[in-house]
Amino acid sequence: MSNPVTSQGKPTAAVISWSANNLYQVQDVRIGDDDGNFTMMFGYLDTANTSTTEVRVENIPESFVADGYDLIVYVDGSNGSRSRVGLYEVVVSGREPVTKFVKDGAGKSFDGKFVEADTATAPTTAADGIQGNAIVFRNMKAREFALLAKGEIGEGFNRAPINGIQIVKLAEE
């Protein structure tokens, strides 16, 4: 995988790696007619009922670490008529993991708008989950982290897709 770039297109020394059960695509997301958001939301790293997807980011630039950053995780799977709740966890060495849950609702596909789902409380059923397609882990200051995703609750198969991530520096240079 190529190294990430800043919003100005400048290369960074950060390194991203990932492992997933499968690569998959959303069946009803249109692509090719936008600024890249539909294209990003079309494909995703997929989990199975018993697997965990991991995205590892290392060597985050010191300017991001010093000022802090938000990690945005974009999520939308091909779930058709089934609701599914994914568990997303950021793990930083020496710290307690931060866990959030998001529901990929039945019949809901990316429509061009990002909706943040922000809850650390696990729902009891998929219907009880907070619907969204973006999760924000705020005010991070780690040089490296692992993002873990696993299906928590689902109608049918449990899934926790990752379509993309974005690291947003809190203070501009």
N, C-alpha and C. Protein backbone atom coordinates (compact mmCIF):
# COMPACT_ATOMS: atom_id res chain seq x y z
N MET A 1 0.85 -1.17 0.00
CA MET A 1 0.00 0.00 0.00
C MET A 1 0.90 1.23 0.00
N SER A 2 0.52 2.25 -0.74
CA SER A 2 1.32 3.46 -0.80
C SER A 2 1.17 4.26 0.48
N ASN A 3 2.15 5.11 0.74
CA ASN A 3 2.11 5.93 1.94
C ASN A 3 1.03 6.99 1.81
N PRO A 4 0.40 7.35 2.91
CA PRO A 4 -0.63 8.38 2.89
C PRO A 4 -0.03 9.75 2.58
N VAL A 5 -0.89 10.64 2.12
CA VAL A 5 -0.50 12.02 1.83
C VAL A 5 -1.34 12.96 2.67
N THR A 6 -0.87 14.21 2.81
CA THR A 6 -1.64 15.23 3.52
C THR A 6 -2.77 15.72 2.63
N SER A 7 -3.63 16.58 3.18
CA SER A 7 -4.72 17.14 2.38
C SER A 7 -4.20 18.01 1.25
N GLN A 8 -2.95 18.44 1.34
CA GLN A 8 -2.31 19.21 0.26
C GLN A 8 -1.58 18.30 -0.74
N GLY A 9 -1.68 16.99 -0.54
CA GLY A 9 -1.05 16.04 -1.45
C GLY A 9 0.42 15.78 -1.17
N LYS A 10 0.93 16.27 -0.05
CA LYS A 10 2.33 16.05 0.31
C LYS A 10 2.48 14.67 0.95
N PRO A 11 3.52 13.92 0.55
CA PRO A 11 3.71 12.59 1.14
C PRO A 11 4.09 12.68 2.62
N THR A 12 3.71 11.66 3.37
CA THR A 12 4.11 11.55 4.78
C THR A 12 4.90 10.26 4.95
N ALA A 13 5.50 10.12 6.11
CA ALA A 13 6.25 8.89 6.42
C ALA A 13 5.34 7.83 7.06
N ALA A 14 4.08 8.15 7.24
CA ALA A 14 3.16 7.20 7.86
C ALA A 14 3.03 5.95 7.00
N VAL A 15 2.77 4.84 7.66
CA VAL A 15 2.63 3.56 6.98
C VAL A 15 1.31 2.94 7.41
N ILE A 16 0.55 2.45 6.44
CA ILE A 16 -0.73 1.79 6.73
C ILE A 16 -0.66 0.36 6.22
N SER A 17 -1.10 -0.57 7.06
CA SER A 17 -1.21 -1.98 6.65
C SER A 17 -2.56 -2.49 7.14
N TRP A 18 -3.03 -3.56 6.54
CA TRP A 18 -4.32 -4.09 6.94
C TRP A 18 -4.38 -5.59 6.74
N SER A 19 -5.28 -6.22 7.48
CA SER A 19 -5.60 -7.63 7.26
C SER A 19 -7.11 -7.77 7.42
N ALA A 20 -7.71 -8.53 6.52
CA ALA A 20 -9.16 -8.71 6.54
C ALA A 20 -9.50 -10.08 5.99
N ASN A 21 -10.64 -10.58 6.35
CA ASN A 21 -11.13 -11.85 5.86
C ASN A 21 -11.39 -11.79 4.36
N ASN A 22 -11.81 -10.63 3.87
CA ASN A 22 -12.27 -10.53 2.49
C ASN A 22 -12.31 -9.07 2.06
N LEU A 23 -12.29 -8.84 0.77
CA LEU A 23 -12.58 -7.53 0.18
C LEU A 23 -13.93 -7.69 -0.50
N TYR A 24 -14.79 -6.68 -0.34
CA TYR A 24 -16.11 -6.80 -0.93
C TYR A 24 -16.57 -5.44 -1.41
N GLN A 25 -17.74 -5.41 -2.03
CA GLN A 25 -18.27 -4.15 -2.53
C GLN A 25 -19.76 -4.05 -2.24
N VAL A 26 -20.20 -2.81 -2.09
CA VAL A 26 -21.62 -2.54 -1.89
C VAL A 26 -22.29 -2.64 -3.25
N GLN A 27 -23.37 -3.37 -3.32
CA GLN A 27 -24.01 -3.65 -4.60
C GLN A 27 -24.77 -2.47 -5.19
N ASP A 28 -25.25 -1.55 -4.36
CA ASP A 28 -26.12 -0.50 -4.89
C ASP A 28 -25.59 0.91 -4.64
N VAL A 29 -24.29 1.08 -4.62
CA VAL A 29 -23.69 2.41 -4.51
C VAL A 29 -23.18 2.80 -5.89
N ARG A 30 -23.59 3.97 -6.35
CA ARG A 30 -23.13 4.41 -7.67
C ARG A 30 -21.73 4.98 -7.54
N ILE A 31 -20.92 4.79 -8.57
CA ILE A 31 -19.56 5.32 -8.56
C ILE A 31 -19.31 6.09 -9.84
N GLY A 32 -18.27 6.90 -9.82
CA GLY A 32 -17.83 7.59 -11.02
C GLY A 32 -18.46 8.95 -11.24
N ASP A 33 -19.41 9.36 -10.39
CA ASP A 33 -20.06 10.65 -10.63
C ASP A 33 -19.93 11.59 -9.44
N ASP A 34 -18.82 11.52 -8.75
CA ASP A 34 -18.65 12.38 -7.58
C ASP A 34 -17.20 12.76 -7.39
N ASP A 35 -16.90 13.32 -6.24
CA ASP A 35 -15.55 13.74 -5.91
C ASP A 35 -14.74 12.65 -5.24
N GLY A 36 -15.19 11.43 -5.28
CA GLY A 36 -14.46 10.31 -4.70
C GLY A 36 -15.15 9.63 -3.54
N ASN A 37 -16.13 10.28 -2.93
CA ASN A 37 -16.80 9.68 -1.78
C ASN A 37 -17.55 8.41 -2.15
N PHE A 38 -18.29 8.41 -3.26
CA PHE A 38 -19.00 7.20 -3.66
C PHE A 38 -18.01 6.08 -4.01
N THR A 39 -16.91 6.45 -4.65
CA THR A 39 -15.90 5.45 -4.99
C THR A 39 -15.33 4.82 -3.72
N MET A 40 -15.02 5.64 -2.71
CA MET A 40 -14.51 5.11 -1.45
C MET A 40 -15.54 4.20 -0.79
N MET A 41 -16.80 4.60 -0.80
CA MET A 41 -17.83 3.85 -0.09
C MET A 41 -18.28 2.59 -0.85
N PHE A 42 -17.83 2.42 -2.08
CA PHE A 42 -18.20 1.27 -2.89
C PHE A 42 -17.52 -0.01 -2.41
N GLY A 43 -16.24 0.05 -2.10
CA GLY A 43 -15.50 -1.14 -1.69
C GLY A 43 -15.15 -1.08 -0.22
N TYR A 44 -14.95 -2.26 0.38
CA TYR A 44 -14.62 -2.27 1.80
C TYR A 44 -13.86 -3.53 2.22
N LEU A 45 -13.16 -3.39 3.34
CA LEU A 45 -12.56 -4.53 4.02
C LEU A 45 -13.69 -5.20 4.78
N ASP A 46 -13.83 -6.50 4.61
CA ASP A 46 -14.97 -7.23 5.15
C ASP A 46 -14.52 -8.19 6.25
N THR A 47 -15.42 -8.41 7.19
CA THR A 47 -15.22 -9.42 8.23
C THR A 47 -16.13 -10.59 7.95
N ALA A 48 -15.84 -11.68 8.60
CA ALA A 48 -16.76 -12.83 8.64
C ALA A 48 -17.35 -12.87 10.04
N ASN A 49 -18.26 -13.81 10.27
CA ASN A 49 -18.88 -13.92 11.60
C ASN A 49 -17.86 -14.08 12.72
N THR A 50 -16.73 -14.71 12.40
CA THR A 50 -15.76 -15.04 13.45
C THR A 50 -14.42 -14.33 13.27
N SER A 51 -14.33 -13.37 12.37
CA SER A 51 -13.03 -12.73 12.12
C SER A 51 -13.01 -11.28 12.60
N THR A 52 -11.81 -10.74 12.69
CA THR A 52 -11.61 -9.33 13.02
C THR A 52 -10.74 -8.72 11.93
N THR A 53 -11.18 -7.58 11.43
CA THR A 53 -10.38 -6.82 10.47
C THR A 53 -9.47 -5.88 11.26
N GLU A 54 -8.22 -5.74 10.81
CA GLU A 54 -7.29 -4.82 11.48
C GLU A 54 -6.68 -3.88 10.45
N VAL A 55 -6.71 -2.59 10.78
CA VAL A 55 -5.98 -1.58 10.02
C VAL A 55 -4.97 -0.98 10.99
N ARG A 56 -3.70 -1.07 10.64
CA ARG A 56 -2.63 -0.57 11.51
C ARG A 56 -2.01 0.66 10.85
N VAL A 57 -1.88 1.74 11.62
CA VAL A 57 -1.25 2.96 11.14
C VAL A 57 -0.04 3.23 12.04
N GLU A 58 1.12 3.38 11.41
CA GLU A 58 2.37 3.60 12.15
C GLU A 58 3.09 4.82 11.60
N ASN A 59 3.96 5.36 12.43
CA ASN A 59 4.83 6.46 12.03
C ASN A 59 4.03 7.71 11.63
N ILE A 60 2.99 8.00 12.41
CA ILE A 60 2.20 9.21 12.17
C ILE A 60 3.10 10.41 12.43
N PRO A 61 3.09 11.43 11.55
CA PRO A 61 3.99 12.58 11.71
C PRO A 61 3.86 13.26 13.07
N GLU A 62 4.99 13.68 13.60
CA GLU A 62 5.05 14.30 14.92
C GLU A 62 4.15 15.52 15.02
N SER A 63 4.00 16.28 13.94
CA SER A 63 3.14 17.46 13.99
C SER A 63 1.68 17.07 14.24
N PHE A 64 1.25 15.93 13.76
CA PHE A 64 -0.10 15.45 14.03
C PHE A 64 -0.21 15.01 15.49
N VAL A 65 0.81 14.31 15.97
CA VAL A 65 0.80 13.79 17.34
C VAL A 65 0.81 14.95 18.33
N ALA A 66 1.64 15.95 18.11
CA ALA A 66 1.76 17.08 19.04
C ALA A 66 0.46 17.88 19.14
N ASP A 67 -0.16 18.14 18.00
CA ASP A 67 -1.40 18.93 17.99
C ASP A 67 -2.64 18.10 18.22
N GLY A 68 -2.53 16.80 18.03
CA GLY A 68 -3.67 15.90 18.14
C GLY A 68 -4.40 15.78 16.80
N TYR A 69 -5.17 14.72 16.69
CA TYR A 69 -5.90 14.48 15.46
C TYR A 69 -7.16 13.66 15.75
N ASP A 70 -8.08 13.73 14.83
CA ASP A 70 -9.26 12.88 14.87
C ASP A 70 -9.10 11.78 13.84
N LEU A 71 -9.52 10.59 14.18
CA LEU A 71 -9.54 9.47 13.24
C LEU A 71 -10.99 9.25 12.83
N ILE A 72 -11.26 9.40 11.54
CA ILE A 72 -12.60 9.15 11.01
C ILE A 72 -12.58 7.80 10.30
N VAL A 73 -13.52 6.95 10.64
CA VAL A 73 -13.65 5.64 10.03
C VAL A 73 -14.97 5.63 9.24
N TYR A 74 -14.89 5.32 7.95
CA TYR A 74 -16.06 5.29 7.08
C TYR A 74 -16.52 3.85 6.92
N VAL A 75 -17.83 3.60 7.09
CA VAL A 75 -18.35 2.24 7.10
C VAL A 75 -19.66 2.13 6.32
N ASP A 76 -19.76 1.15 5.46
CA ASP A 76 -21.02 0.80 4.79
C ASP A 76 -20.81 -0.54 4.10
N GLY A 77 -21.60 -1.52 4.47
CA GLY A 77 -21.47 -2.85 3.88
C GLY A 77 -22.64 -3.19 2.99
N SER A 78 -22.52 -4.29 2.31
CA SER A 78 -23.58 -4.79 1.43
C SER A 78 -24.47 -5.70 2.26
N ASN A 79 -25.42 -5.11 2.98
CA ASN A 79 -26.24 -5.88 3.91
C ASN A 79 -27.69 -6.05 3.46
N GLY A 80 -28.06 -5.47 2.33
CA GLY A 80 -29.41 -5.66 1.80
C GLY A 80 -30.50 -5.32 2.80
N SER A 81 -31.35 -6.29 3.10
CA SER A 81 -32.50 -6.06 3.98
C SER A 81 -32.21 -6.37 5.45
N ARG A 82 -30.93 -6.52 5.79
CA ARG A 82 -30.57 -6.88 7.16
C ARG A 82 -29.82 -5.74 7.85
N SER A 83 -30.12 -5.52 9.11
CA SER A 83 -29.36 -4.56 9.93
C SER A 83 -28.22 -5.29 10.60
N ARG A 84 -27.09 -4.61 10.68
CA ARG A 84 -25.92 -5.20 11.34
C ARG A 84 -25.21 -4.12 12.15
N VAL A 85 -24.72 -4.52 13.31
CA VAL A 85 -23.98 -3.60 14.17
C VAL A 85 -22.54 -4.06 14.25
N GLY A 86 -21.62 -3.15 13.95
CA GLY A 86 -20.21 -3.44 14.04
C GLY A 86 -19.60 -2.81 15.28
N LEU A 87 -18.62 -3.50 15.84
CA LEU A 87 -17.82 -2.99 16.94
C LEU A 87 -16.51 -2.52 16.34
N TYR A 88 -16.14 -1.27 16.63
CA TYR A 88 -14.90 -0.67 16.13
C TYR A 88 -14.09 -0.21 17.33
N GLU A 89 -12.83 -0.61 17.36
CA GLU A 89 -12.01 -0.36 18.54
C GLU A 89 -10.65 0.17 18.11
N VAL A 90 -10.21 1.25 18.77
CA VAL A 90 -8.87 1.76 18.54
C VAL A 90 -7.99 1.32 19.70
N VAL A 91 -6.89 0.66 19.34
CA VAL A 91 -5.96 0.14 20.34
C VAL A 91 -4.63 0.87 20.21
N VAL A 92 -4.21 1.46 21.32
CA VAL A 92 -2.91 2.15 21.41
C VAL A 92 -2.14 1.49 22.54
N SER A 93 -0.91 1.14 22.28
CA SER A 93 -0.08 0.47 23.28
C SER A 93 -0.04 1.26 24.58
N GLY A 94 -0.28 0.56 25.69
CA GLY A 94 -0.20 1.18 27.01
C GLY A 94 -1.45 1.94 27.43
N ARG A 95 -2.51 1.90 26.62
CA ARG A 95 -3.75 2.62 26.95
C ARG A 95 -4.94 1.67 26.83
N GLU A 96 -6.01 2.04 27.49
CA GLU A 96 -7.24 1.28 27.37
C GLU A 96 -7.80 1.47 25.95
N PRO A 97 -8.29 0.41 25.33
CA PRO A 97 -8.92 0.56 24.00
C PRO A 97 -10.15 1.46 24.08
N VAL A 98 -10.44 2.14 22.98
CA VAL A 98 -11.65 2.96 22.86
C VAL A 98 -12.56 2.23 21.88
N THR A 99 -13.79 1.94 22.32
CA THR A 99 -14.72 1.14 21.53
C THR A 99 -15.94 1.95 21.16
N LYS A 100 -16.40 1.80 19.91
CA LYS A 100 -17.63 2.42 19.43
C LYS A 100 -18.40 1.41 18.60
N PHE A 101 -19.70 1.62 18.52
CA PHE A 101 -20.59 0.75 17.78
C PHE A 101 -21.34 1.57 16.73
N VAL A 102 -21.60 0.96 15.58
CA VAL A 102 -22.39 1.63 14.54
C VAL A 102 -23.26 0.60 13.84
N LYS A 103 -24.49 1.01 13.53
CA LYS A 103 -25.42 0.13 12.82
C LYS A 103 -25.42 0.48 11.34
N ASP A 104 -25.28 -0.55 10.52
CA ASP A 104 -25.48 -0.46 9.07
C ASP A 104 -26.91 -0.93 8.85
N GLY A 105 -27.82 0.00 8.72
CA GLY A 105 -29.25 -0.31 8.72
C GLY A 105 -29.73 -1.04 7.48
N ALA A 106 -30.79 -1.80 7.66
CA ALA A 106 -31.41 -2.54 6.56
C ALA A 106 -31.83 -1.57 5.46
N GLY A 107 -31.46 -1.90 4.23
CA GLY A 107 -31.85 -1.08 3.09
C GLY A 107 -31.16 0.26 3.00
N LYS A 108 -30.17 0.52 3.83
CA LYS A 108 -29.47 1.81 3.83
C LYS A 108 -28.15 1.67 3.10
N SER A 109 -27.96 2.47 2.10
CA SER A 109 -26.67 2.54 1.40
C SER A 109 -26.24 3.99 1.33
N PHE A 110 -24.97 4.20 1.12
CA PHE A 110 -24.41 5.55 1.07
C PHE A 110 -25.13 6.36 0.00
N ASP A 111 -25.61 7.54 0.41
CA ASP A 111 -26.35 8.41 -0.49
C ASP A 111 -25.66 9.74 -0.76
N GLY A 112 -24.37 9.81 -0.41
CA GLY A 112 -23.62 11.04 -0.60
C GLY A 112 -23.44 11.85 0.66
N LYS A 113 -24.11 11.46 1.74
CA LYS A 113 -24.01 12.18 3.01
C LYS A 113 -23.39 11.28 4.06
N PHE A 114 -22.48 11.86 4.82
CA PHE A 114 -21.89 11.11 5.93
C PHE A 114 -22.66 11.42 7.20
N VAL A 115 -22.99 10.37 7.95
CA VAL A 115 -23.74 10.49 9.19
C VAL A 115 -22.92 9.84 10.29
N GLU A 116 -22.52 10.64 11.28
CA GLU A 116 -21.72 10.10 12.38
C GLU A 116 -22.58 9.31 13.35
N ALA A 117 -22.12 8.14 13.70
CA ALA A 117 -22.72 7.33 14.75
C ALA A 117 -21.72 7.32 15.89
N ASP A 118 -22.14 7.78 17.06
CA ASP A 118 -21.20 7.91 18.15
C ASP A 118 -21.79 7.33 19.43
N THR A 119 -21.55 6.06 19.65
CA THR A 119 -21.97 5.45 20.90
C THR A 119 -20.96 4.40 21.34
N ALA A 120 -20.66 4.43 22.62
CA ALA A 120 -19.77 3.42 23.20
C ALA A 120 -20.58 2.33 23.88
N THR A 121 -21.90 2.40 23.76
CA THR A 121 -22.78 1.44 24.40
C THR A 121 -23.24 0.40 23.39
N ALA A 122 -23.01 -0.86 23.70
CA ALA A 122 -23.42 -1.94 22.80
C ALA A 122 -24.94 -2.07 22.83
N PRO A 123 -25.58 -2.10 21.65
CA PRO A 123 -27.02 -2.31 21.63
C PRO A 123 -27.36 -3.78 21.96
N THR A 124 -28.59 -4.02 22.36
CA THR A 124 -28.99 -5.39 22.67
C THR A 124 -29.45 -6.13 21.41
N THR A 125 -29.94 -5.39 20.41
CA THR A 125 -30.32 -5.98 19.13
C THR A 125 -29.82 -5.07 18.02
N ALA A 126 -29.78 -5.60 16.80
CA ALA A 126 -29.34 -4.79 15.67
C ALA A 126 -30.28 -3.60 15.45
N ALA A 127 -31.55 -3.78 15.71
CA ALA A 127 -32.52 -2.69 15.53
C ALA A 127 -32.26 -1.54 16.50
N ASP A 128 -31.66 -1.83 17.66
CA ASP A 128 -31.39 -0.80 18.67
C ASP A 128 -30.13 0.02 18.38
N GLY A 129 -29.34 -0.39 17.43
CA GLY A 129 -28.08 0.30 17.17
C GLY A 129 -28.27 1.71 16.64
N ILE A 130 -27.22 2.53 16.73
CA ILE A 130 -27.21 3.89 16.20
C ILE A 130 -26.79 3.83 14.73
N GLN A 131 -27.68 4.25 13.84
CA GLN A 131 -27.43 4.22 12.39
C GLN A 131 -26.41 5.28 12.01
N GLY A 132 -25.49 4.91 11.13
CA GLY A 132 -24.52 5.87 10.61
C GLY A 132 -23.59 5.22 9.62
N ASN A 133 -22.69 6.03 9.06
CA ASN A 133 -21.68 5.51 8.14
C ASN A 133 -20.31 6.11 8.41
N ALA A 134 -20.18 6.79 9.55
CA ALA A 134 -18.89 7.35 9.95
C ALA A 134 -18.79 7.31 11.46
N ILE A 135 -17.59 7.03 11.94
CA ILE A 135 -17.30 7.01 13.37
C ILE A 135 -16.08 7.91 13.56
N VAL A 136 -16.09 8.73 14.61
CA VAL A 136 -14.95 9.61 14.86
C VAL A 136 -14.35 9.28 16.22
N PHE A 137 -13.07 8.96 16.23
CA PHE A 137 -12.29 8.80 17.46
C PHE A 137 -11.54 10.11 17.63
N ARG A 138 -11.91 10.88 18.63
CA ARG A 138 -11.45 12.26 18.77
C ARG A 138 -10.19 12.42 19.63
N ASN A 139 -9.47 13.48 19.29
CA ASN A 139 -8.33 13.96 20.10
C ASN A 139 -7.27 12.89 20.35
N MET A 140 -6.90 12.19 19.31
CA MET A 140 -5.86 11.18 19.44
C MET A 140 -4.48 11.84 19.38
N LYS A 141 -3.51 11.23 20.05
CA LYS A 141 -2.14 11.75 20.05
C LYS A 141 -1.11 10.63 20.01
N ALA A 142 -1.46 9.53 19.41
CA ALA A 142 -0.58 8.37 19.36
C ALA A 142 0.22 8.37 18.05
N ARG A 143 1.46 7.90 18.12
CA ARG A 143 2.30 7.76 16.91
C ARG A 143 1.86 6.58 16.06
N GLU A 144 1.17 5.63 16.71
CA GLU A 144 0.67 4.47 15.98
C GLU A 144 -0.55 3.92 16.70
N PHE A 145 -1.40 3.25 15.95
CA PHE A 145 -2.58 2.64 16.53
C PHE A 145 -3.03 1.49 15.63
N ALA A 146 -3.88 0.65 16.20
CA ALA A 146 -4.56 -0.40 15.44
C ALA A 146 -6.04 -0.13 15.53
N LEU A 147 -6.72 -0.19 14.40
CA LEU A 147 -8.17 -0.11 14.35
C LEU A 147 -8.68 -1.52 14.11
N LEU A 148 -9.51 -2.02 15.03
CA LEU A 148 -10.07 -3.36 14.92
C LEU A 148 -11.56 -3.25 14.64
N ALA A 149 -12.06 -4.11 13.76
CA ALA A 149 -13.49 -4.12 13.45
C ALA A 149 -13.98 -5.56 13.47
N LYS A 150 -15.10 -5.76 14.15
CA LYS A 150 -15.71 -7.10 14.14
C LYS A 150 -17.22 -6.96 14.23
N GLY A 151 -17.91 -7.91 13.58
CA GLY A 151 -19.36 -7.92 13.63
C GLY A 151 -19.82 -8.24 15.03
N GLU A 152 -20.70 -7.43 15.56
CA GLU A 152 -21.15 -7.60 16.94
C GLU A 152 -22.54 -8.24 16.99
N ILE A 153 -23.49 -7.63 16.30
CA ILE A 153 -24.87 -8.12 16.30
C ILE A 153 -25.37 -8.00 14.87
N GLY A 154 -26.08 -9.00 14.41
CA GLY A 154 -26.58 -8.90 13.06
C GLY A 154 -27.80 -9.75 12.81
N GLU A 155 -28.53 -9.35 11.80
CA GLU A 155 -29.62 -10.17 11.29
C GLU A 155 -29.00 -10.99 10.17
N GLY A 156 -28.79 -12.25 10.42
CA GLY A 156 -28.03 -13.07 9.48
C GLY A 156 -26.58 -13.06 9.92
N PHE A 157 -25.68 -12.74 9.02
CA PHE A 157 -24.25 -12.73 9.33
C PHE A 157 -23.84 -11.41 9.97
N ASN A 158 -22.99 -11.48 10.98
CA ASN A 158 -22.44 -10.27 11.60
C ASN A 158 -21.33 -9.73 10.71
N ARG A 159 -21.29 -8.43 10.56
CA ARG A 159 -20.26 -7.80 9.74
C ARG A 159 -19.87 -6.45 10.35
N ALA A 160 -18.66 -5.99 10.01
CA ALA A 160 -18.18 -4.68 10.42
C ALA A 160 -17.26 -4.16 9.30
N PRO A 161 -17.83 -3.54 8.27
CA PRO A 161 -17.03 -3.09 7.14
C PRO A 161 -16.17 -1.87 7.47
N ILE A 162 -15.05 -1.75 6.78
CA ILE A 162 -14.24 -0.52 6.80
C ILE A 162 -14.04 -0.11 5.35
N ASN A 163 -14.64 1.02 4.97
CA ASN A 163 -14.50 1.53 3.60
C ASN A 163 -13.30 2.46 3.47
N GLY A 164 -12.96 3.16 4.52
CA GLY A 164 -11.83 4.08 4.46
C GLY A 164 -11.58 4.69 5.83
N ILE A 165 -10.41 5.30 5.97
CA ILE A 165 -10.09 6.05 7.19
C ILE A 165 -9.50 7.39 6.78
N GLN A 166 -9.62 8.35 7.68
CA GLN A 166 -9.04 9.68 7.46
C GLN A 166 -8.49 10.16 8.79
N ILE A 167 -7.28 10.68 8.79
CA ILE A 167 -6.66 11.25 9.98
C ILE A 167 -6.65 12.77 9.76
N VAL A 168 -7.37 13.49 10.63
CA VAL A 168 -7.54 14.93 10.47
C VAL A 168 -6.81 15.64 11.59
N LYS A 169 -5.82 16.40 11.23
CA LYS A 169 -5.04 17.16 12.21
C LYS A 169 -5.92 18.24 12.84
N LEU A 170 -5.81 18.40 14.17
CA LEU A 170 -6.68 19.35 14.87
C LEU A 170 -6.26 20.81 14.68
N ALA A 171 -4.98 21.07 14.59
CA ALA A 171 -4.51 22.45 14.39
C ALA A 171 -3.82 22.53 13.04
N GLU A 172 -4.19 23.51 12.27
CA GLU A 172 -3.56 23.66 10.94
C GLU A 172 -2.19 24.30 11.06
N GLU A 173 -1.33 23.93 10.14
CA GLU A 173 0.04 24.46 10.14
C GLU A 173 0.06 25.88 9.63
